[in-house]
Amino acid sequence: HRNVFSPAIGEGLKTVWRVTRQLVPLLKLYVRHYGE
């Protein structure tokens, strides 16, 4: 495994950053359209 692949750490960090930025807007969107 060490020769072939490794965790995509860069992708993971980008995911954490993007989720952090989008979390509040997404929650607001969900509350605004709750039930839908």
Full PDB file with SEQRES, HELIX, SHEET, SSBOND, CRYST1, ORIGX, SCALE, CONECT and MASTER records, all heavy atoms in Angstrom:
SEQRES   1 A   36  HIS ARG ASN VAL PHE SER PRO ALA ILE GLY GLU GLY LEU          
SEQRES   2 A   36  LYS THR VAL TRP ARG VAL THR ARG GLN LEU VAL PRO LEU          
SEQRES   3 A   36  LEU LYS LEU TYR VAL ARG HIS TYR GLY GLU                      
HELIX    1 AA1 ILE A    9  ARG A   32  1                                  24    
CRYST1    1.000    1.000    1.000  90.00  90.00  90.00 P 1           1          
ORIGX1      1.000000  0.000000  0.000000        0.00000                         
ORIGX2      0.000000  1.000000  0.000000        0.00000                         
ORIGX3      0.000000  0.000000  1.000000        0.00000                         
SCALE1      1.000000  0.000000  0.000000        0.00000                         
SCALE2      0.000000  1.000000  0.000000        0.00000                         
SCALE3      0.000000  0.000000  1.000000        0.00000                         
ATOM      1  N   HIS A   1       0.812  -1.214   0.000  1.00  0.00           N  
ATOM      2  CA  HIS A   1       0.000   0.000   0.000  1.00  0.00           C  
ATOM      3  C   HIS A   1       0.847   1.265   0.000  1.00  0.00           C  
ATOM      4  O   HIS A   1       0.488   2.265  -0.631  1.00  0.00           O  
ATOM      5  CB  HIS A   1      -0.938  -0.001   1.207  1.00  0.00           C  
ATOM      6  CG  HIS A   1      -1.969  -1.091   1.151  1.00  0.00           C  
ATOM      7  ND1 HIS A   1      -2.660  -1.524   2.247  1.00  0.00           N  
ATOM      8  CD2 HIS A   1      -2.434  -1.841   0.120  1.00  0.00           C  
ATOM      9  CE1 HIS A   1      -3.496  -2.487   1.905  1.00  0.00           C  
ATOM     10  NE2 HIS A   1      -3.373  -2.695   0.617  1.00  0.00           N  
ATOM     11  N   ARG A   2       1.960   1.240   0.701  1.00  0.00           N  
ATOM     12  CA  ARG A   2       2.799   2.438   0.787  1.00  0.00           C  
ATOM     13  C   ARG A   2       3.395   2.797  -0.571  1.00  0.00           C  
ATOM     14  O   ARG A   2       3.685   3.968  -0.826  1.00  0.00           O  
ATOM     15  CB  ARG A   2       3.921   2.218   1.807  1.00  0.00           C  
ATOM     16  CG  ARG A   2       3.439   2.107   3.246  1.00  0.00           C  
ATOM     17  CD  ARG A   2       4.530   1.588   4.145  1.00  0.00           C  
ATOM     18  NE  ARG A   2       4.924   0.230   3.760  1.00  0.00           N  
ATOM     19  CZ  ARG A   2       5.883  -0.449   4.382  1.00  0.00           C  
ATOM     20  NH1 ARG A   2       6.544   0.089   5.374  1.00  0.00           N  
ATOM     21  NH2 ARG A   2       6.177  -1.678   3.982  1.00  0.00           N  
ATOM     22  N   ASN A   3       3.593   1.808  -1.421  1.00  0.00           N  
ATOM     23  CA  ASN A   3       4.146   2.063  -2.753  1.00  0.00           C  
ATOM     24  C   ASN A   3       3.103   2.592  -3.719  1.00  0.00           C  
ATOM     25  O   ASN A   3       3.443   3.248  -4.708  1.00  0.00           O  
ATOM     26  CB  ASN A   3       4.728   0.777  -3.351  1.00  0.00           C  
ATOM     27  CG  ASN A   3       5.784   0.131  -2.484  1.00  0.00           C  
ATOM     28  OD1 ASN A   3       5.853  -1.074  -2.383  1.00  0.00           O  
ATOM     29  ND2 ASN A   3       6.614   0.945  -1.826  1.00  0.00           N  
ATOM     30  N   VAL A   4       1.845   2.273  -3.462  1.00  0.00           N  
ATOM     31  CA  VAL A   4       0.815   2.506  -4.468  1.00  0.00           C  
ATOM     32  C   VAL A   4      -0.039   3.737  -4.175  1.00  0.00           C  
ATOM     33  O   VAL A   4      -0.291   4.547  -5.064  1.00  0.00           O  
ATOM     34  CB  VAL A   4      -0.093   1.268  -4.607  1.00  0.00           C  
ATOM     35  CG1 VAL A   4      -1.208   1.513  -5.603  1.00  0.00           C  
ATOM     36  CG2 VAL A   4       0.746   0.072  -5.034  1.00  0.00           C  
ATOM     37  N   PHE A   5      -0.510   3.892  -2.968  1.00  0.00           N  
ATOM     38  CA  PHE A   5      -1.388   5.032  -2.710  1.00  0.00           C  
ATOM     39  C   PHE A   5      -1.249   5.521  -1.273  1.00  0.00           C  
ATOM     40  O   PHE A   5      -0.731   4.818  -0.405  1.00  0.00           O  
ATOM     41  CB  PHE A   5      -2.842   4.700  -3.018  1.00  0.00           C  
ATOM     42  CG  PHE A   5      -3.400   3.537  -2.221  1.00  0.00           C  
ATOM     43  CD1 PHE A   5      -3.932   3.716  -0.962  1.00  0.00           C  
ATOM     44  CD2 PHE A   5      -3.401   2.261  -2.761  1.00  0.00           C  
ATOM     45  CE1 PHE A   5      -4.451   2.658  -0.245  1.00  0.00           C  
ATOM     46  CE2 PHE A   5      -3.924   1.186  -2.059  1.00  0.00           C  
ATOM     47  CZ  PHE A   5      -4.448   1.384  -0.790  1.00  0.00           C  
ATOM     48  N   SER A   6      -1.711   6.732  -1.061  1.00  0.00           N  
ATOM     49  CA  SER A   6      -1.732   7.319   0.277  1.00  0.00           C  
ATOM     50  C   SER A   6      -2.988   8.165   0.380  1.00  0.00           C  
ATOM     51  O   SER A   6      -3.577   8.550  -0.639  1.00  0.00           O  
ATOM     52  CB  SER A   6      -0.480   8.177   0.505  1.00  0.00           C  
ATOM     53  OG  SER A   6      -0.441   9.253  -0.427  1.00  0.00           O  
ATOM     54  N   PRO A   7      -3.439   8.448   1.601  1.00  0.00           N  
ATOM     55  CA  PRO A   7      -4.639   9.284   1.754  1.00  0.00           C  
ATOM     56  C   PRO A   7      -4.464  10.615   1.051  1.00  0.00           C  
ATOM     57  O   PRO A   7      -3.385  11.218   1.082  1.00  0.00           O  
ATOM     58  CB  PRO A   7      -4.745   9.456   3.272  1.00  0.00           C  
ATOM     59  CG  PRO A   7      -4.042   8.268   3.844  1.00  0.00           C  
ATOM     60  CD  PRO A   7      -2.917   7.975   2.902  1.00  0.00           C  
ATOM     61  N   ALA A   8      -5.520  11.051   0.409  1.00  0.00           N  
ATOM     62  CA  ALA A   8      -5.487  12.338  -0.303  1.00  0.00           C  
ATOM     63  C   ALA A   8      -5.661  13.456   0.712  1.00  0.00           C  
ATOM     64  O   ALA A   8      -6.727  14.062   0.839  1.00  0.00           O  
ATOM     65  CB  ALA A   8      -6.568  12.381  -1.373  1.00  0.00           C  
ATOM     66  N   ILE A   9      -4.568  13.739   1.451  1.00  0.00           N  
ATOM     67  CA  ILE A   9      -4.631  14.704   2.543  1.00  0.00           C  
ATOM     68  C   ILE A   9      -5.016  16.089   2.026  1.00  0.00           C  
ATOM     69  O   ILE A   9      -5.812  16.805   2.637  1.00  0.00           O  
ATOM     70  CB  ILE A   9      -3.279  14.764   3.282  1.00  0.00           C  
ATOM     71  CG1 ILE A   9      -2.987  13.407   3.933  1.00  0.00           C  
ATOM     72  CG2 ILE A   9      -3.273  15.872   4.330  1.00  0.00           C  
ATOM     73  CD1 ILE A   9      -1.626  13.314   4.586  1.00  0.00           C  
ATOM     74  N   GLY A  10      -4.462  16.457   0.889  1.00  0.00           N  
ATOM     75  CA  GLY A  10      -4.804  17.758   0.316  1.00  0.00           C  
ATOM     76  C   GLY A  10      -6.289  17.880   0.037  1.00  0.00           C  
ATOM     77  O   GLY A  10      -6.914  18.914   0.316  1.00  0.00           O  
ATOM     78  N   GLU A  11      -6.871  16.806  -0.513  1.00  0.00           N  
ATOM     79  CA  GLU A  11      -8.310  16.816  -0.771  1.00  0.00           C  
ATOM     80  C   GLU A  11      -9.090  16.901   0.541  1.00  0.00           C  
ATOM     81  O   GLU A  11     -10.113  17.573   0.628  1.00  0.00           O  
ATOM     82  CB  GLU A  11      -8.706  15.550  -1.529  1.00  0.00           C  
ATOM     83  CG  GLU A  11      -8.244  15.506  -2.959  1.00  0.00           C  
ATOM     84  CD  GLU A  11      -8.976  16.502  -3.842  1.00  0.00           C  
ATOM     85  OE1 GLU A  11     -10.203  16.626  -3.693  1.00  0.00           O  
ATOM     86  OE2 GLU A  11      -8.316  17.148  -4.668  1.00  0.00           O  
ATOM     87  N   GLY A  12      -8.586  16.198   1.561  1.00  0.00           N  
ATOM     88  CA  GLY A  12      -9.267  16.237   2.854  1.00  0.00           C  
ATOM     89  C   GLY A  12      -9.262  17.619   3.469  1.00  0.00           C  
ATOM     90  O   GLY A  12     -10.281  18.078   4.011  1.00  0.00           O  
ATOM     91  N   LEU A  13      -8.107  18.306   3.385  1.00  0.00           N  
ATOM     92  CA  LEU A  13      -8.019  19.657   3.933  1.00  0.00           C  
ATOM     93  C   LEU A  13      -8.937  20.619   3.176  1.00  0.00           C  
ATOM     94  O   LEU A  13      -9.589  21.487   3.783  1.00  0.00           O  
ATOM     95  CB  LEU A  13      -6.573  20.145   3.868  1.00  0.00           C  
ATOM     96  CG  LEU A  13      -5.578  19.414   4.786  1.00  0.00           C  
ATOM     97  CD1 LEU A  13      -4.168  19.908   4.534  1.00  0.00           C  
ATOM     98  CD2 LEU A  13      -5.965  19.608   6.247  1.00  0.00           C  
ATOM     99  N   LYS A  14      -8.982  20.461   1.848  1.00  0.00           N  
ATOM    100  CA  LYS A  14      -9.883  21.311   1.066  1.00  0.00           C  
ATOM    101  C   LYS A  14     -11.331  21.060   1.451  1.00  0.00           C  
ATOM    102  O   LYS A  14     -12.138  21.986   1.521  1.00  0.00           O  
ATOM    103  CB  LYS A  14      -9.686  21.053  -0.432  1.00  0.00           C  
ATOM    104  CG  LYS A  14      -8.425  21.663  -0.996  1.00  0.00           C  
ATOM    105  CD  LYS A  14      -8.420  21.653  -2.517  1.00  0.00           C  
ATOM    106  CE  LYS A  14      -8.344  20.247  -3.054  1.00  0.00           C  
ATOM    107  NZ  LYS A  14      -8.222  20.229  -4.535  1.00  0.00           N  
ATOM    108  N   THR A  15     -11.669  19.782   1.725  1.00  0.00           N  
ATOM    109  CA  THR A  15     -13.026  19.441   2.114  1.00  0.00           C  
ATOM    110  C   THR A  15     -13.394  20.104   3.442  1.00  0.00           C  
ATOM    111  O   THR A  15     -14.474  20.679   3.596  1.00  0.00           O  
ATOM    112  CB  THR A  15     -13.188  17.916   2.230  1.00  0.00           C  
ATOM    113  OG1 THR A  15     -13.002  17.338   0.940  1.00  0.00           O  
ATOM    114  CG2 THR A  15     -14.572  17.552   2.751  1.00  0.00           C  
ATOM    115  N   VAL A  16     -12.478  20.012   4.409  1.00  0.00           N  
ATOM    116  CA  VAL A  16     -12.732  20.632   5.709  1.00  0.00           C  
ATOM    117  C   VAL A  16     -12.937  22.132   5.554  1.00  0.00           C  
ATOM    118  O   VAL A  16     -13.859  22.717   6.139  1.00  0.00           O  
ATOM    119  CB  VAL A  16     -11.557  20.348   6.678  1.00  0.00           C  
ATOM    120  CG1 VAL A  16     -11.712  21.159   7.959  1.00  0.00           C  
ATOM    121  CG2 VAL A  16     -11.487  18.864   7.003  1.00  0.00           C  
ATOM    122  N   TRP A  17     -12.096  22.765   4.741  1.00  0.00           N  
ATOM    123  CA  TRP A  17     -12.198  24.209   4.527  1.00  0.00           C  
ATOM    124  C   TRP A  17     -13.517  24.571   3.849  1.00  0.00           C  
ATOM    125  O   TRP A  17     -14.210  25.504   4.269  1.00  0.00           O  
ATOM    126  CB  TRP A  17     -11.016  24.683   3.695  1.00  0.00           C  
ATOM    127  CG  TRP A  17     -11.117  26.105   3.199  1.00  0.00           C  
ATOM    128  CD1 TRP A  17     -11.253  26.515   1.916  1.00  0.00           C  
ATOM    129  CD2 TRP A  17     -11.098  27.297   3.991  1.00  0.00           C  
ATOM    130  NE1 TRP A  17     -11.329  27.875   1.830  1.00  0.00           N  
ATOM    131  CE2 TRP A  17     -11.230  28.388   3.107  1.00  0.00           C  
ATOM    132  CE3 TRP A  17     -10.986  27.539   5.358  1.00  0.00           C  
ATOM    133  CZ2 TRP A  17     -11.244  29.703   3.552  1.00  0.00           C  
ATOM    134  CZ3 TRP A  17     -11.001  28.865   5.799  1.00  0.00           C  
ATOM    135  CH2 TRP A  17     -11.123  29.923   4.899  1.00  0.00           C  
ATOM    136  N   ARG A  18     -13.877  23.823   2.836  1.00  0.00           N  
ATOM    137  CA  ARG A  18     -15.108  24.131   2.109  1.00  0.00           C  
ATOM    138  C   ARG A  18     -16.346  23.887   2.962  1.00  0.00           C  
ATOM    139  O   ARG A  18     -17.299  24.667   2.936  1.00  0.00           O  
ATOM    140  CB  ARG A  18     -15.182  23.286   0.838  1.00  0.00           C  
ATOM    141  CG  ARG A  18     -14.167  23.672  -0.219  1.00  0.00           C  
ATOM    142  CD  ARG A  18     -14.093  22.621  -1.312  1.00  0.00           C  
ATOM    143  NE  ARG A  18     -13.138  22.952  -2.349  1.00  0.00           N  
ATOM    144  CZ  ARG A  18     -12.737  22.114  -3.289  1.00  0.00           C  
ATOM    145  NH1 ARG A  18     -13.215  20.868  -3.313  1.00  0.00           N  
ATOM    146  NH2 ARG A  18     -11.877  22.487  -4.204  1.00  0.00           N  
ATOM    147  N   VAL A  19     -16.330  22.770   3.724  1.00  0.00           N  
ATOM    148  CA  VAL A  19     -17.472  22.465   4.585  1.00  0.00           C  
ATOM    149  C   VAL A  19     -17.627  23.546   5.650  1.00  0.00           C  
ATOM    150  O   VAL A  19     -18.747  23.976   5.968  1.00  0.00           O  
ATOM    151  CB  VAL A  19     -17.303  21.080   5.245  1.00  0.00           C  
ATOM    152  CG1 VAL A  19     -18.327  20.888   6.366  1.00  0.00           C  
ATOM    153  CG2 VAL A  19     -17.459  19.979   4.206  1.00  0.00           C  
ATOM    154  N   THR A  20     -16.487  23.990   6.214  1.00  0.00           N  
ATOM    155  CA  THR A  20     -16.534  25.041   7.234  1.00  0.00           C  
ATOM    156  C   THR A  20     -17.168  26.305   6.674  1.00  0.00           C  
ATOM    157  O   THR A  20     -17.984  26.960   7.332  1.00  0.00           O  
ATOM    158  CB  THR A  20     -15.115  25.338   7.747  1.00  0.00           C  
ATOM    159  OG1 THR A  20     -14.551  24.143   8.289  1.00  0.00           O  
ATOM    160  CG2 THR A  20     -15.149  26.413   8.823  1.00  0.00           C  
ATOM    161  N   ARG A  21     -16.798  26.650   5.455  1.00  0.00           N  
ATOM    162  CA  ARG A  21     -17.344  27.855   4.835  1.00  0.00           C  
ATOM    163  C   ARG A  21     -18.820  27.714   4.501  1.00  0.00           C  
ATOM    164  O   ARG A  21     -19.576  28.687   4.562  1.00  0.00           O  
ATOM    165  CB  ARG A  21     -16.573  28.174   3.552  1.00  0.00           C  
ATOM    166  CG  ARG A  21     -15.145  28.607   3.773  1.00  0.00           C  
ATOM    167  CD  ARG A  21     -14.481  28.945   2.461  1.00  0.00           C  
ATOM    168  NE  ARG A  21     -15.200  29.985   1.738  1.00  0.00           N  
ATOM    169  CZ  ARG A  21     -14.980  30.310   0.468  1.00  0.00           C  
ATOM    170  NH1 ARG A  21     -14.067  29.645  -0.217  1.00  0.00           N  
ATOM    171  NH2 ARG A  21     -15.673  31.268  -0.115  1.00  0.00           N  
ATOM    172  N   GLN A  22     -19.238  26.495   4.137  1.00  0.00           N  
ATOM    173  CA  GLN A  22     -20.614  26.305   3.666  1.00  0.00           C  
ATOM    174  C   GLN A  22     -21.585  25.881   4.759  1.00  0.00           C  
ATOM    175  O   GLN A  22     -22.785  25.891   4.547  1.00  0.00           O  
ATOM    176  CB  GLN A  22     -20.638  25.246   2.556  1.00  0.00           C  
ATOM    177  CG  GLN A  22     -19.915  25.660   1.294  1.00  0.00           C  
ATOM    178  CD  GLN A  22     -20.098  24.640   0.176  1.00  0.00           C  
ATOM    179  OE1 GLN A  22     -21.030  23.854   0.199  1.00  0.00           O  
ATOM    180  NE2 GLN A  22     -19.201  24.666  -0.790  1.00  0.00           N  
ATOM    181  N   LEU A  23     -21.051  25.497   5.930  1.00  0.00           N  
ATOM    182  CA  LEU A  23     -21.914  24.916   6.957  1.00  0.00           C  
ATOM    183  C   LEU A  23     -23.026  25.867   7.396  1.00  0.00           C  
ATOM    184  O   LEU A  23     -24.206  25.488   7.415  1.00  0.00           O  
ATOM    185  CB  LEU A  23     -21.066  24.504   8.165  1.00  0.00           C  
ATOM    186  CG  LEU A  23     -21.830  23.799   9.291  1.00  0.00           C  
ATOM    187  CD1 LEU A  23     -22.501  22.526   8.762  1.00  0.00           C  
ATOM    188  CD2 LEU A  23     -20.896  23.472  10.456  1.00  0.00           C  
ATOM    189  N   VAL A  24     -22.660  27.093   7.750  1.00  0.00           N  
ATOM    190  CA  VAL A  24     -23.668  28.047   8.240  1.00  0.00           C  
ATOM    191  C   VAL A  24     -24.690  28.373   7.157  1.00  0.00           C  
ATOM    192  O   VAL A  24     -25.911  28.304   7.400  1.00  0.00           O  
ATOM    193  CB  VAL A  24     -22.988  29.325   8.774  1.00  0.00           C  
ATOM    194  CG1 VAL A  24     -24.044  30.379   9.115  1.00  0.00           C  
ATOM    195  CG2 VAL A  24     -22.144  29.002  10.002  1.00  0.00           C  
ATOM    196  N   PRO A  25     -24.273  28.725   5.926  1.00  0.00           N  
ATOM    197  CA  PRO A  25     -25.273  28.984   4.874  1.00  0.00           C  
ATOM    198  C   PRO A  25     -26.195  27.793   4.612  1.00  0.00           C  
ATOM    199  O   PRO A  25     -27.394  27.964   4.380  1.00  0.00           O  
ATOM    200  CB  PRO A  25     -24.412  29.302   3.651  1.00  0.00           C  
ATOM    201  CG  PRO A  25     -23.126  29.798   4.201  1.00  0.00           C  
ATOM    202  CD  PRO A  25     -22.904  29.006   5.449  1.00  0.00           C  
ATOM    203  N   LEU A  26     -25.635  26.574   4.680  1.00  0.00           N  
ATOM    204  CA  LEU A  26     -26.456  25.383   4.437  1.00  0.00           C  
ATOM    205  C   LEU A  26     -27.480  25.182   5.551  1.00  0.00           C  
ATOM    206  O   LEU A  26     -28.631  24.815   5.300  1.00  0.00           O  
ATOM    207  CB  LEU A  26     -25.574  24.149   4.307  1.00  0.00           C  
ATOM    208  CG  LEU A  26     -24.846  23.969   2.974  1.00  0.00           C  
ATOM    209  CD1 LEU A  26     -23.895  22.778   3.034  1.00  0.00           C  
ATOM    210  CD2 LEU A  26     -25.834  23.766   1.825  1.00  0.00           C  
ATOM    211  N   LEU A  27     -27.055  25.394   6.788  1.00  0.00           N  
ATOM    212  CA  LEU A  27     -27.990  25.265   7.911  1.00  0.00           C  
ATOM    213  C   LEU A  27     -29.106  26.301   7.815  1.00  0.00           C  
ATOM    214  O   LEU A  27     -30.277  25.998   8.087  1.00  0.00           O  
ATOM    215  CB  LEU A  27     -27.240  25.406   9.230  1.00  0.00           C  
ATOM    216  CG  LEU A  27     -26.350  24.220   9.627  1.00  0.00           C  
ATOM    217  CD1 LEU A  27     -25.571  24.542  10.906  1.00  0.00           C  
ATOM    218  CD2 LEU A  27     -27.184  22.963   9.811  1.00  0.00           C  
ATOM    219  N   LYS A  28     -28.747  27.531   7.445  1.00  0.00           N  
ATOM    220  CA  LYS A  28     -29.769  28.569   7.267  1.00  0.00           C  
ATOM    221  C   LYS A  28     -30.751  28.180   6.165  1.00  0.00           C  
ATOM    222  O   LYS A  28     -31.963  28.366   6.301  1.00  0.00           O  
ATOM    223  CB  LYS A  28     -29.099  29.902   6.925  1.00  0.00           C  
ATOM    224  CG  LYS A  28     -28.366  30.542   8.094  1.00  0.00           C  
ATOM    225  CD  LYS A  28     -27.756  31.871   7.672  1.00  0.00           C  
ATOM    226  CE  LYS A  28     -27.058  32.546   8.837  1.00  0.00           C  
ATOM    227  NZ  LYS A  28     -26.442  33.857   8.427  1.00  0.00           N  
ATOM    228  N   LEU A  29     -30.209  27.614   5.082  1.00  0.00           N  
ATOM    229  CA  LEU A  29     -31.053  27.187   3.973  1.00  0.00           C  
ATOM    230  C   LEU A  29     -32.003  26.077   4.415  1.00  0.00           C  
ATOM    231  O   LEU A  29     -33.187  26.072   4.055  1.00  0.00           O  
ATOM    232  CB  LEU A  29     -30.173  26.711   2.812  1.00  0.00           C  
ATOM    233  CG  LEU A  29     -30.898  26.269   1.531  1.00  0.00           C  
ATOM    234  CD1 LEU A  29     -31.613  27.446   0.880  1.00  0.00           C  
ATOM    235  CD2 LEU A  29     -29.906  25.653   0.551  1.00  0.00           C  
ATOM    236  N   TYR A  30     -31.458  25.150   5.216  1.00  0.00           N  
ATOM    237  CA  TYR A  30     -32.278  24.029   5.687  1.00  0.00           C  
ATOM    238  C   TYR A  30     -33.396  24.516   6.609  1.00  0.00           C  
ATOM    239  O   TYR A  30     -34.552  24.063   6.507  1.00  0.00           O  
ATOM    240  CB  TYR A  30     -31.394  23.025   6.420  1.00  0.00           C  
ATOM    241  CG  TYR A  30     -32.148  21.811   6.922  1.00  0.00           C  
ATOM    242  CD1 TYR A  30     -32.583  20.836   6.033  1.00  0.00           C  
ATOM    243  CD2 TYR A  30     -32.432  21.651   8.273  1.00  0.00           C  
ATOM    244  CE1 TYR A  30     -33.279  19.714   6.482  1.00  0.00           C  
ATOM    245  CE2 TYR A  30     -33.123  20.547   8.733  1.00  0.00           C  
ATOM    246  CZ  TYR A  30     -33.545  19.586   7.832  1.00  0.00           C  
ATOM    247  OH  TYR A  30     -34.244  18.489   8.278  1.00  0.00           O  
ATOM    248  N   VAL A  31     -33.058  25.449   7.509  1.00  0.00           N  
ATOM    249  CA  VAL A  31     -34.077  25.988   8.425  1.00  0.00           C  
ATOM    250  C   VAL A  31     -35.144  26.740   7.646  1.00  0.00           C  
ATOM    251  O   VAL A  31     -36.350  26.620   7.920  1.00  0.00           O  
ATOM    252  CB  VAL A  31     -33.415  26.912   9.475  1.00  0.00           C  
ATOM    253  CG1 VAL A  31     -34.486  27.662  10.280  1.00  0.00           C  
ATOM    254  CG2 VAL A  31     -32.522  26.101  10.403  1.00  0.00           C  
ATOM    255  N   ARG A  32     -34.716  27.503   6.656  1.00  0.00           N  
ATOM    256  CA  ARG A  32     -35.660  28.296   5.870  1.00  0.00           C  
ATOM    257  C   ARG A  32     -36.624  27.418   5.081  1.00  0.00           C  
ATOM    258  O   ARG A  32     -37.781  27.772   4.855  1.00  0.00           O  
ATOM    259  CB  ARG A  32     -34.881  29.226   4.936  1.00  0.00           C  
ATOM    260  CG  ARG A  32     -35.776  30.256   4.242  1.00  0.00           C  
ATOM    261  CD  ARG A  32     -34.967  31.432   3.710  1.00  0.00           C  
ATOM    262  NE  ARG A  32     -33.919  31.028   2.793  1.00  0.00           N  
ATOM    263  CZ  ARG A  32     -32.628  31.153   3.049  1.00  0.00           C  
ATOM    264  NH1 ARG A  32     -32.222  31.655   4.208  1.00  0.00           N  
ATOM    265  NH2 ARG A  32     -31.737  30.776   2.158  1.00  0.00           N  
ATOM    266  N   HIS A  33     -36.122  26.239   4.660  1.00  0.00           N  
ATOM    267  CA  HIS A  33     -36.964  25.338   3.854  1.00  0.00           C  
ATOM    268  C   HIS A  33     -37.249  24.042   4.609  1.00  0.00           C  
ATOM    269  O   HIS A  33     -37.377  22.983   4.000  1.00  0.00           O  
ATOM    270  CB  HIS A  33     -36.261  25.023   2.538  1.00  0.00           C  
ATOM    271  CG  HIS A  33     -36.062  26.226   1.662  1.00  0.00           C  
ATOM    272  ND1 HIS A  33     -37.058  26.738   0.860  1.00  0.00           N  
ATOM    273  CD2 HIS A  33     -34.969  27.021   1.486  1.00  0.00           C  
ATOM    274  CE1 HIS A  33     -36.591  27.788   0.200  1.00  0.00           C  
ATOM    275  NE2 HIS A  33     -35.326  27.987   0.560  1.00  0.00           N  
ATOM    276  N   TYR A  34     -37.327  24.134   5.930  1.00  0.00           N  
ATOM    277  CA  TYR A  34     -37.569  22.947   6.744  1.00  0.00           C  
ATOM    278  C   TYR A  34     -38.869  22.259   6.314  1.00  0.00           C  
ATOM    279  O   TYR A  34     -39.903  22.907   6.131  1.00  0.00           O  
ATOM    280  CB  TYR A  34     -37.671  23.338   8.222  1.00  0.00           C  
ATOM    281  CG  TYR A  34     -37.868  22.147   9.140  1.00  0.00           C  
ATOM    282  CD1 TYR A  34     -36.807  21.307   9.429  1.00  0.00           C  
ATOM    283  CD2 TYR A  34     -39.124  21.873   9.673  1.00  0.00           C  
ATOM    284  CE1 TYR A  34     -36.976  20.204  10.257  1.00  0.00           C  
ATOM    285  CE2 TYR A  34     -39.305  20.765  10.505  1.00  0.00           C  
ATOM    286  CZ  TYR A  34     -38.223  19.939  10.786  1.00  0.00           C  
ATOM    287  OH  TYR A  34     -38.408  18.852  11.595  1.00  0.00           O  
ATOM    288  N   GLY A  35     -38.798  20.982   6.160  1.00  0.00           N  
ATOM    289  CA  GLY A  35     -39.974  20.227   5.714  1.00  0.00           C  
ATOM    290  C   GLY A  35     -40.000  20.020   4.209  1.00  0.00           C  
ATOM    291  O   GLY A  35     -40.715  19.154   3.713  1.00  0.00           O  
ATOM    292  N   GLU A  36     -39.225  20.834   3.500  1.00  0.00           N  
ATOM    293  CA  GLU A  36     -39.172  20.716   2.048  1.00  0.00           C  
ATOM    294  C   GLU A  36     -37.869  20.054   1.586  1.00  0.00           C  
ATOM    295  O   GLU A  36     -37.851  19.350   0.589  1.00  0.00           O  
ATOM    296  CB  GLU A  36     -39.284  22.106   1.399  1.00  0.00           C  
ATOM    297  CG  GLU A  36     -40.584  22.829   1.739  1.00  0.00           C  
ATOM    298  CD  GLU A  36     -40.601  24.240   1.164  1.00  0.00           C  
ATOM    299  OE1 GLU A  36     -39.718  24.538   0.328  1.00  0.00           O  
ATOM    300  OE2 GLU A  36     -41.473  25.023   1.552  1.00  0.00           O  
TER     301      GLU A  36                                                      
MASTER        0    0    0    1    0    0    0    6  300    1    0    3          
END                                                                             
